[in-house]
Every structure is written in C-alpha cells, then in structure tokens.
C-alpha cells in the first residue's frame, strides 16, 4: 500500500490544482495542501500564508511543520529555510514553477526531487547566496 503524505505547495493564488506555484515559498500568499497516496493527490485545502510579504526568519517553516507537512514544494527557497525543513524531517523540492497540477504530478512521478538554487533577487532572505536558474525545470 502506498505511503500517505501531506504535500504543501507554495502558491501564488487560491485556485488549487489550477493555480501557479510561487517563485518563493516565504512570500507566497497561499499554501495548497495535497493529500498524496502513491501517484495520486487530492487537494485537502488552500490556506493563506499567515506571514505574507513579511520576512520573519523561521516563521513560515514552523507554520508548515505545524500543518503536518511531509513535503514542501516551492519555486525557490533560501538555504536557511531548507536546513530548517530538513531538521523537521520535511522533504524539500524546489526549482519548479508553473501550474500546480503539473509540478505536483512531476514530483509524485519521481521526476523532480531535491533542491535547486533560489531563482530571484532578494539576498536578505536567501542568505546572500548566488542566484540563477540552474537546476530549474518546467
């Protein structure tokens, strides 16, 4: 029997599977919660980011952990947040942007795992690391 997981996707809108993955998890306005079992996923809910637009280090990772997430998917994420999620035992998948359904499907099929560099310019929240589109797919 496939393992059940709660996958949280950083989203730019509240459109569920029809929405867009956010370029940066910490500044996204919504999180889509998908219950996954094997390669199938259903939307359980879309919740607003309680910290939109405000950079509060650690606040969003704690919020995601408290939702019971097993996986977080976002277009980009800073190294400190990635380390925090890994410390919580939450898998991180970044570097994909576009339609939520497409990105989630690729993750569930095993076509995308792991992290890619943050692909936008705001070094204050990405730890000052190099930016670029290396590792970006989709």
N, C-alpha and C. Protein backbone atom coordinates (compact mmCIF):
# COMPACT_ATOMS: atom_id res chain seq x y z
N UNK A 1 0.85 -1.18 0.00
CA UNK A 1 0.00 0.00 0.00
C UNK A 1 0.90 1.25 0.00
N UNK A 2 0.62 2.20 -0.89
CA UNK A 2 1.45 3.42 -0.96
C UNK A 2 1.37 4.23 0.33
N UNK A 3 2.45 4.93 0.58
CA UNK A 3 2.56 5.77 1.76
C UNK A 3 1.74 7.06 1.59
N UNK A 4 0.95 7.40 2.59
CA UNK A 4 0.19 8.64 2.56
C UNK A 4 1.07 9.77 3.06
N UNK A 5 1.03 10.91 2.35
CA UNK A 5 1.84 12.07 2.72
C UNK A 5 1.01 13.34 2.54
N UNK A 6 1.35 14.34 3.33
CA UNK A 6 0.77 15.67 3.14
C UNK A 6 1.83 16.51 2.43
N UNK A 7 1.50 16.93 1.22
CA UNK A 7 2.41 17.75 0.43
C UNK A 7 1.87 19.17 0.42
N UNK A 8 2.71 20.12 0.80
CA UNK A 8 2.33 21.53 0.80
C UNK A 8 3.04 22.20 -0.37
N UNK A 9 2.25 22.94 -1.16
CA UNK A 9 2.79 23.64 -2.32
C UNK A 9 2.61 25.14 -2.11
N UNK A 10 3.70 25.90 -2.19
CA UNK A 10 3.62 27.36 -2.12
C UNK A 10 2.92 27.84 -3.39
N UNK A 11 1.86 28.62 -3.25
CA UNK A 11 1.05 29.00 -4.40
C UNK A 11 0.85 30.51 -4.48
N UNK A 12 0.76 30.99 -5.73
CA UNK A 12 0.52 32.41 -5.97
C UNK A 12 -0.95 32.79 -5.88
N UNK A 13 -1.83 31.80 -5.83
CA UNK A 13 -3.27 32.08 -5.81
C UNK A 13 -3.99 30.97 -5.06
N UNK A 14 -5.29 31.11 -4.92
CA UNK A 14 -6.09 30.12 -4.18
C UNK A 14 -6.85 29.20 -5.13
N UNK A 15 -6.31 28.95 -6.32
CA UNK A 15 -7.00 28.18 -7.36
C UNK A 15 -6.76 26.68 -7.30
N UNK A 16 -6.15 26.20 -6.22
CA UNK A 16 -5.93 24.76 -6.09
C UNK A 16 -5.01 24.22 -7.17
N UNK A 17 -5.38 23.07 -7.75
CA UNK A 17 -4.56 22.44 -8.79
C UNK A 17 -4.43 23.32 -10.03
N UNK A 18 -5.37 24.22 -10.25
CA UNK A 18 -5.33 25.10 -11.42
C UNK A 18 -4.45 26.33 -11.21
N UNK A 19 -3.92 26.50 -10.02
CA UNK A 19 -3.13 27.68 -9.69
C UNK A 19 -1.69 27.58 -10.15
N UNK A 20 -0.89 28.53 -9.69
CA UNK A 20 0.52 28.62 -10.06
C UNK A 20 1.40 28.46 -8.82
N UNK A 21 2.50 27.72 -9.00
CA UNK A 21 3.48 27.57 -7.93
C UNK A 21 4.18 28.91 -7.74
N UNK A 22 4.36 29.30 -6.50
CA UNK A 22 5.02 30.56 -6.19
C UNK A 22 6.53 30.46 -6.38
N UNK A 23 7.12 31.54 -6.84
CA UNK A 23 8.57 31.59 -7.03
C UNK A 23 9.33 31.53 -5.71
N UNK A 24 8.70 31.93 -4.61
CA UNK A 24 9.38 31.90 -3.31
C UNK A 24 8.39 31.55 -2.22
N UNK A 25 8.66 30.48 -1.51
CA UNK A 25 7.69 29.98 -0.53
C UNK A 25 7.38 30.98 0.57
N UNK A 26 8.36 31.71 1.07
CA UNK A 26 8.15 32.60 2.21
C UNK A 26 7.30 33.82 1.91
N UNK A 27 7.20 34.19 0.65
CA UNK A 27 6.44 35.38 0.28
C UNK A 27 5.17 35.05 -0.49
N UNK A 28 4.86 33.78 -0.61
CA UNK A 28 3.65 33.40 -1.35
C UNK A 28 2.41 33.75 -0.54
N UNK A 29 1.31 34.05 -1.22
CA UNK A 29 0.09 34.38 -0.49
C UNK A 29 -0.69 33.17 0.03
N UNK A 30 -0.48 31.98 -0.58
CA UNK A 30 -1.25 30.80 -0.20
C UNK A 30 -0.39 29.55 -0.18
N UNK A 31 -0.89 28.55 0.53
CA UNK A 31 -0.30 27.21 0.52
C UNK A 31 -1.41 26.22 0.18
N UNK A 32 -1.16 25.39 -0.81
CA UNK A 32 -2.07 24.32 -1.17
C UNK A 32 -1.65 23.08 -0.39
N UNK A 33 -2.58 22.44 0.27
CA UNK A 33 -2.31 21.21 1.00
C UNK A 33 -2.90 20.07 0.19
N UNK A 34 -2.06 19.14 -0.22
CA UNK A 34 -2.50 18.00 -1.02
C UNK A 34 -2.21 16.71 -0.28
N UNK A 35 -3.21 15.88 -0.17
CA UNK A 35 -3.03 14.57 0.43
C UNK A 35 -2.66 13.62 -0.69
N UNK A 36 -1.48 13.02 -0.58
CA UNK A 36 -0.98 12.15 -1.64
C UNK A 36 -0.89 10.71 -1.15
N UNK A 37 -1.23 9.82 -2.05
CA UNK A 37 -1.14 8.39 -1.80
C UNK A 37 -0.60 7.77 -3.08
N UNK A 38 0.68 7.43 -3.07
CA UNK A 38 1.31 6.95 -4.30
C UNK A 38 1.43 8.09 -5.29
N UNK A 39 0.91 7.89 -6.50
CA UNK A 39 0.97 8.93 -7.54
C UNK A 39 -0.31 9.74 -7.65
N UNK A 40 -1.22 9.55 -6.73
CA UNK A 40 -2.48 10.28 -6.74
C UNK A 40 -2.49 11.31 -5.61
N UNK A 41 -3.06 12.47 -5.90
CA UNK A 41 -3.16 13.52 -4.88
C UNK A 41 -4.51 14.19 -4.99
N UNK A 42 -5.03 14.59 -3.86
CA UNK A 42 -6.26 15.36 -3.81
C UNK A 42 -5.99 16.61 -2.98
N UNK A 43 -6.62 17.70 -3.36
CA UNK A 43 -6.48 18.95 -2.61
C UNK A 43 -7.32 18.82 -1.35
N UNK A 44 -6.68 18.99 -0.20
CA UNK A 44 -7.45 18.97 1.03
C UNK A 44 -7.91 20.38 1.42
N UNK A 45 -7.06 21.36 1.12
CA UNK A 45 -7.45 22.75 1.37
C UNK A 45 -6.37 23.71 0.85
N UNK A 46 -6.77 24.97 0.72
CA UNK A 46 -5.83 26.04 0.41
C UNK A 46 -5.90 27.00 1.59
N UNK A 47 -4.74 27.29 2.17
CA UNK A 47 -4.71 28.15 3.35
C UNK A 47 -3.87 29.39 3.05
N UNK A 48 -4.28 30.52 3.60
CA UNK A 48 -3.47 31.73 3.40
C UNK A 48 -2.18 31.66 4.20
N UNK A 49 -1.15 32.27 3.65
CA UNK A 49 0.12 32.41 4.37
C UNK A 49 -0.11 33.42 5.49
N UNK A 50 0.09 33.04 6.75
CA UNK A 50 -0.15 33.98 7.84
C UNK A 50 0.92 35.08 7.93
N UNK A 51 1.99 34.96 7.13
CA UNK A 51 3.08 35.93 7.15
C UNK A 51 3.37 36.47 5.75
N UNK A 52 2.36 36.87 4.98
CA UNK A 52 2.62 37.27 3.58
C UNK A 52 3.44 38.55 3.50
N UNK A 53 4.45 38.52 2.65
CA UNK A 53 5.24 39.72 2.38
C UNK A 53 6.17 40.15 3.49
N UNK A 54 6.06 39.54 4.65
CA UNK A 54 6.93 39.92 5.77
C UNK A 54 8.02 38.88 5.93
N UNK A 55 9.25 39.33 6.01
CA UNK A 55 10.34 38.39 6.19
C UNK A 55 10.56 38.18 7.68
N UNK A 56 10.11 37.02 8.16
CA UNK A 56 10.27 36.64 9.55
C UNK A 56 10.97 35.28 9.57
N UNK A 57 12.29 35.26 9.62
CA UNK A 57 13.02 34.00 9.54
C UNK A 57 12.48 32.94 10.49
N UNK A 58 12.20 31.77 9.93
CA UNK A 58 11.72 30.64 10.71
C UNK A 58 10.22 30.56 10.88
N UNK A 59 9.50 31.66 10.70
CA UNK A 59 8.06 31.66 10.94
C UNK A 59 7.32 30.73 9.98
N UNK A 60 7.59 30.84 8.69
CA UNK A 60 6.87 30.02 7.72
C UNK A 60 7.25 28.54 7.85
N UNK A 61 8.53 28.19 8.00
CA UNK A 61 8.83 26.77 8.20
C UNK A 61 8.13 26.17 9.43
N UNK A 62 8.04 26.92 10.51
CA UNK A 62 7.31 26.42 11.69
C UNK A 62 5.83 26.25 11.37
N UNK A 63 5.25 27.19 10.64
CA UNK A 63 3.84 27.10 10.24
C UNK A 63 3.61 25.84 9.40
N UNK A 64 4.48 25.60 8.42
CA UNK A 64 4.35 24.43 7.55
C UNK A 64 4.50 23.14 8.36
N UNK A 65 5.46 23.11 9.26
CA UNK A 65 5.63 21.94 10.13
C UNK A 65 4.37 21.68 10.94
N UNK A 66 3.79 22.75 11.49
CA UNK A 66 2.60 22.61 12.33
C UNK A 66 1.37 22.15 11.54
N UNK A 67 1.39 22.33 10.21
CA UNK A 67 0.31 21.80 9.36
C UNK A 67 0.40 20.29 9.23
N UNK A 68 1.55 19.72 9.58
CA UNK A 68 1.76 18.29 9.47
C UNK A 68 2.38 17.86 8.15
N UNK A 69 3.05 18.79 7.48
CA UNK A 69 3.62 18.52 6.15
C UNK A 69 4.70 17.46 6.18
N UNK A 70 4.72 16.67 5.13
CA UNK A 70 5.79 15.71 4.89
C UNK A 70 6.73 16.23 3.81
N UNK A 71 6.20 17.10 2.93
CA UNK A 71 6.93 17.63 1.78
C UNK A 71 6.52 19.08 1.58
N UNK A 72 7.47 19.95 1.20
CA UNK A 72 7.18 21.32 0.78
C UNK A 72 7.72 21.48 -0.64
N UNK A 73 6.88 22.03 -1.52
CA UNK A 73 7.27 22.31 -2.90
C UNK A 73 7.15 23.80 -3.12
N UNK A 74 8.20 24.41 -3.69
CA UNK A 74 8.19 25.84 -4.00
C UNK A 74 9.13 26.10 -5.16
N UNK A 75 8.92 27.21 -5.83
CA UNK A 75 9.82 27.58 -6.91
C UNK A 75 11.21 27.87 -6.40
N UNK A 76 11.32 28.58 -5.30
CA UNK A 76 12.61 28.93 -4.73
C UNK A 76 12.53 29.00 -3.22
N UNK A 77 13.69 28.82 -2.59
CA UNK A 77 13.74 28.83 -1.14
C UNK A 77 15.17 29.07 -0.70
N UNK A 78 15.35 29.84 0.34
CA UNK A 78 16.68 30.12 0.86
C UNK A 78 17.27 28.94 1.61
N UNK A 79 18.60 28.91 1.73
CA UNK A 79 19.26 27.78 2.37
C UNK A 79 18.93 27.60 3.85
N UNK A 80 18.67 28.66 4.56
CA UNK A 80 18.33 28.52 5.98
C UNK A 80 16.99 27.82 6.16
N UNK A 81 16.02 28.18 5.31
CA UNK A 81 14.71 27.52 5.38
C UNK A 81 14.83 26.05 4.99
N UNK A 82 15.63 25.76 3.97
CA UNK A 82 15.84 24.37 3.55
C UNK A 82 16.42 23.56 4.70
N UNK A 83 17.43 24.09 5.36
CA UNK A 83 18.04 23.41 6.50
C UNK A 83 17.02 23.19 7.62
N UNK A 84 16.17 24.19 7.86
CA UNK A 84 15.17 24.08 8.91
C UNK A 84 14.17 22.97 8.57
N UNK A 85 13.69 22.94 7.33
CA UNK A 85 12.76 21.90 6.92
C UNK A 85 13.39 20.53 7.05
N UNK A 86 14.63 20.38 6.60
CA UNK A 86 15.31 19.09 6.73
C UNK A 86 15.42 18.70 8.20
N UNK A 87 15.69 19.65 9.07
CA UNK A 87 15.76 19.38 10.50
C UNK A 87 14.43 18.92 11.07
N UNK A 88 13.32 19.36 10.47
CA UNK A 88 11.98 18.94 10.89
C UNK A 88 11.60 17.59 10.28
N UNK A 89 12.46 17.07 9.38
CA UNK A 89 12.12 15.82 8.70
C UNK A 89 11.19 16.01 7.52
N UNK A 90 11.13 17.23 6.99
CA UNK A 90 10.26 17.55 5.85
C UNK A 90 11.10 17.59 4.59
N UNK A 91 10.70 16.82 3.57
CA UNK A 91 11.39 16.84 2.29
C UNK A 91 11.14 18.16 1.59
N UNK A 92 12.14 18.65 0.86
CA UNK A 92 12.05 19.92 0.15
C UNK A 92 12.27 19.67 -1.34
N UNK A 93 11.38 20.21 -2.16
CA UNK A 93 11.55 20.15 -3.62
C UNK A 93 11.37 21.57 -4.14
N UNK A 94 12.40 22.11 -4.75
CA UNK A 94 12.33 23.46 -5.31
C UNK A 94 12.85 23.46 -6.73
N UNK A 95 12.68 24.59 -7.39
CA UNK A 95 13.22 24.76 -8.73
C UNK A 95 12.19 24.60 -9.82
N UNK A 96 10.97 24.24 -9.48
CA UNK A 96 9.91 24.11 -10.47
C UNK A 96 8.93 25.27 -10.33
N UNK A 97 8.50 25.79 -11.44
CA UNK A 97 7.46 26.82 -11.44
C UNK A 97 6.42 26.43 -12.48
N UNK A 98 5.29 27.09 -12.41
CA UNK A 98 4.23 26.81 -13.38
C UNK A 98 2.98 26.31 -12.68
N UNK A 99 2.20 25.55 -13.41
CA UNK A 99 0.92 25.04 -12.93
C UNK A 99 1.12 24.06 -11.77
N UNK A 100 0.33 24.24 -10.71
CA UNK A 100 0.44 23.39 -9.51
C UNK A 100 0.23 21.93 -9.86
N UNK A 101 -0.78 21.61 -10.65
CA UNK A 101 -1.06 20.23 -11.01
C UNK A 101 0.11 19.58 -11.74
N UNK A 102 0.72 20.31 -12.67
CA UNK A 102 1.85 19.80 -13.43
C UNK A 102 3.05 19.55 -12.53
N UNK A 103 3.35 20.51 -11.67
CA UNK A 103 4.50 20.40 -10.76
C UNK A 103 4.28 19.27 -9.76
N UNK A 104 3.11 19.21 -9.18
CA UNK A 104 2.82 18.16 -8.21
C UNK A 104 2.87 16.78 -8.88
N UNK A 105 2.33 16.67 -10.09
CA UNK A 105 2.39 15.41 -10.82
C UNK A 105 3.81 14.97 -11.08
N UNK A 106 4.68 15.91 -11.48
CA UNK A 106 6.08 15.58 -11.72
C UNK A 106 6.75 15.09 -10.44
N UNK A 107 6.44 15.73 -9.32
CA UNK A 107 7.01 15.30 -8.05
C UNK A 107 6.54 13.88 -7.71
N UNK A 108 5.26 13.63 -7.85
CA UNK A 108 4.71 12.32 -7.49
C UNK A 108 5.22 11.20 -8.39
N UNK A 109 5.54 11.52 -9.62
CA UNK A 109 6.10 10.52 -10.54
C UNK A 109 7.61 10.33 -10.33
N UNK A 110 8.19 11.09 -9.42
CA UNK A 110 9.61 10.96 -9.15
C UNK A 110 10.49 11.68 -10.15
N UNK A 111 9.91 12.57 -10.94
CA UNK A 111 10.67 13.29 -11.96
C UNK A 111 11.41 14.48 -11.41
N UNK A 112 11.08 14.88 -10.20
CA UNK A 112 11.78 16.01 -9.58
C UNK A 112 11.86 15.79 -8.08
N UNK A 113 13.06 15.81 -7.59
CA UNK A 113 13.33 15.68 -6.16
C UNK A 113 14.46 16.63 -5.82
N UNK A 114 14.50 17.06 -4.59
CA UNK A 114 15.63 17.85 -4.13
C UNK A 114 15.47 19.34 -4.37
N UNK A 115 16.55 20.04 -4.15
CA UNK A 115 16.51 21.49 -4.17
C UNK A 115 17.35 22.05 -5.30
N UNK A 116 16.92 23.22 -5.77
CA UNK A 116 17.65 23.99 -6.77
C UNK A 116 17.84 25.38 -6.19
N UNK A 117 18.82 26.14 -6.67
CA UNK A 117 19.05 27.47 -6.12
C UNK A 117 17.83 28.38 -6.24
N UNK A 118 17.71 29.26 -5.28
CA UNK A 118 16.69 30.29 -5.32
C UNK A 118 16.89 31.11 -6.60
N UNK A 119 15.82 31.35 -7.35
CA UNK A 119 15.96 31.94 -8.69
C UNK A 119 15.46 33.38 -8.79
N UNK A 120 15.66 34.17 -7.75
CA UNK A 120 15.24 35.57 -7.81
C UNK A 120 16.11 36.40 -6.89
N UNK A 121 15.99 37.68 -6.98
CA UNK A 121 16.95 38.57 -6.33
C UNK A 121 16.40 39.21 -5.06
N UNK A 122 16.67 38.61 -3.94
CA UNK A 122 16.39 39.19 -2.62
C UNK A 122 17.32 38.52 -1.62
N UNK A 123 18.60 38.87 -1.68
CA UNK A 123 19.60 38.20 -0.85
C UNK A 123 19.33 38.28 0.64
N UNK A 124 18.56 39.25 1.09
CA UNK A 124 18.30 39.36 2.52
C UNK A 124 17.53 38.15 3.03
N UNK A 125 16.75 37.47 2.20
CA UNK A 125 16.00 36.31 2.67
C UNK A 125 16.52 35.02 2.10
N UNK A 126 17.49 35.07 1.23
CA UNK A 126 18.05 33.85 0.65
C UNK A 126 19.47 33.61 1.13
N UNK A 127 19.87 34.28 2.15
CA UNK A 127 21.16 34.03 2.74
C UNK A 127 22.33 34.57 1.94
N UNK A 128 22.07 35.44 0.97
CA UNK A 128 23.14 36.06 0.22
C UNK A 128 23.86 35.13 -0.74
N UNK A 129 23.27 33.98 -1.03
CA UNK A 129 23.92 33.04 -1.94
C UNK A 129 23.72 33.48 -3.38
N UNK A 130 24.46 32.87 -4.27
CA UNK A 130 24.33 33.17 -5.68
C UNK A 130 22.96 32.83 -6.20
N UNK A 131 22.47 33.60 -7.12
CA UNK A 131 21.15 33.39 -7.71
C UNK A 131 21.30 33.01 -9.17
N UNK A 132 20.33 32.34 -9.67
CA UNK A 132 20.34 31.97 -11.08
C UNK A 132 19.25 30.95 -11.34
N UNK A 133 19.21 30.43 -12.53
CA UNK A 133 18.17 29.47 -12.86
C UNK A 133 18.72 28.06 -13.00
N UNK A 134 19.93 27.84 -12.51
CA UNK A 134 20.50 26.49 -12.54
C UNK A 134 19.56 25.52 -11.84
N UNK A 135 19.36 24.38 -12.47
CA UNK A 135 18.53 23.35 -11.85
C UNK A 135 17.05 23.58 -12.03
N UNK A 136 16.66 24.62 -12.68
CA UNK A 136 15.24 24.90 -12.86
C UNK A 136 14.70 24.08 -13.99
N UNK A 137 13.54 23.51 -13.78
CA UNK A 137 12.90 22.68 -14.78
C UNK A 137 11.50 23.21 -15.06
N UNK A 138 10.90 22.73 -16.14
CA UNK A 138 9.49 23.02 -16.40
C UNK A 138 9.37 24.14 -17.30
